[in-house]
Amino acid sequence: HDFNRVGLFYGYDFQNGLSVSLEYAFEWQDHDEGDSDKFHYAGVGVNYSF
């Protein structure tokens, strides 16, 4: 059983303490039984610092 993951991340900080992020990942798994699975992950983040 092995798995691999590749992804992208983008973050941006605004001048007022607000920041946003976007992320995406693709993962594929190969099982010992011969099967394989594929997964997609996506995320959006918002953060405010004060």
Protein backbone atom coordinates (compact mmCIF):
# COMPACT_ATOMS: atom_id res chain seq x y z
CA HIS A 1 0.00 0.00 0.00
CA ASP A 2 1.41 3.37 -0.95
CA PHE A 3 -0.03 6.80 -1.52
CA ASN A 4 1.10 10.01 -3.18
CA ARG A 5 -0.18 13.57 -2.88
CA VAL A 6 0.44 16.71 -4.88
CA GLY A 7 -1.14 20.07 -4.19
CA LEU A 8 -1.28 23.80 -4.68
CA PHE A 9 -1.63 26.55 -2.06
CA TYR A 10 -2.25 30.26 -2.57
CA GLY A 11 -2.46 32.80 0.23
CA TYR A 12 -2.98 36.55 0.14
CA ASP A 13 -2.68 39.10 2.98
CA PHE A 14 -4.69 42.30 2.78
CA GLN A 15 -3.51 45.53 4.44
CA ASN A 16 -6.31 45.51 7.04
CA GLY A 17 -5.33 42.24 8.79
CA LEU A 18 -7.55 40.03 6.67
CA SER A 19 -6.03 37.11 4.78
CA VAL A 20 -7.49 34.46 2.49
CA SER A 21 -6.16 31.13 1.25
CA LEU A 22 -7.10 28.66 -1.46
CA GLU A 23 -5.79 25.11 -1.56
CA TYR A 24 -6.17 22.03 -3.71
CA ALA A 25 -4.68 18.55 -3.40
CA PHE A 26 -4.89 15.36 -5.44
CA GLU A 27 -4.06 12.03 -3.81
CA TRP A 28 -3.85 8.57 -5.31
CA GLN A 29 -3.47 5.31 -3.41
CA ASP A 30 -2.30 1.97 -4.75
CA HIS A 31 -3.40 -0.99 -2.62
CA ASP A 32 -1.66 -4.33 -2.32
CA GLU A 33 -4.80 -6.06 -3.61
CA GLY A 34 -4.46 -4.30 -6.97
CA ASP A 35 -7.10 -1.63 -6.42
CA SER A 36 -6.40 2.08 -6.57
CA ASP A 37 -8.27 5.09 -5.19
CA LYS A 38 -8.14 8.76 -6.14
CA PHE A 39 -9.16 11.72 -3.97
CA HIS A 40 -9.53 15.46 -4.56
CA TYR A 41 -9.35 17.96 -1.72
CA ALA A 42 -10.25 21.65 -1.95
CA GLY A 43 -10.27 24.31 0.74
CA VAL A 44 -10.90 28.01 1.29
CA GLY A 45 -9.68 29.84 4.36
CA VAL A 46 -10.36 33.30 5.79
CA ASN A 47 -8.41 34.73 8.70
CA TYR A 48 -8.51 38.07 10.50
CA SER A 49 -5.76 39.32 12.82
CA PHE A 50 -6.32 42.11 15.31
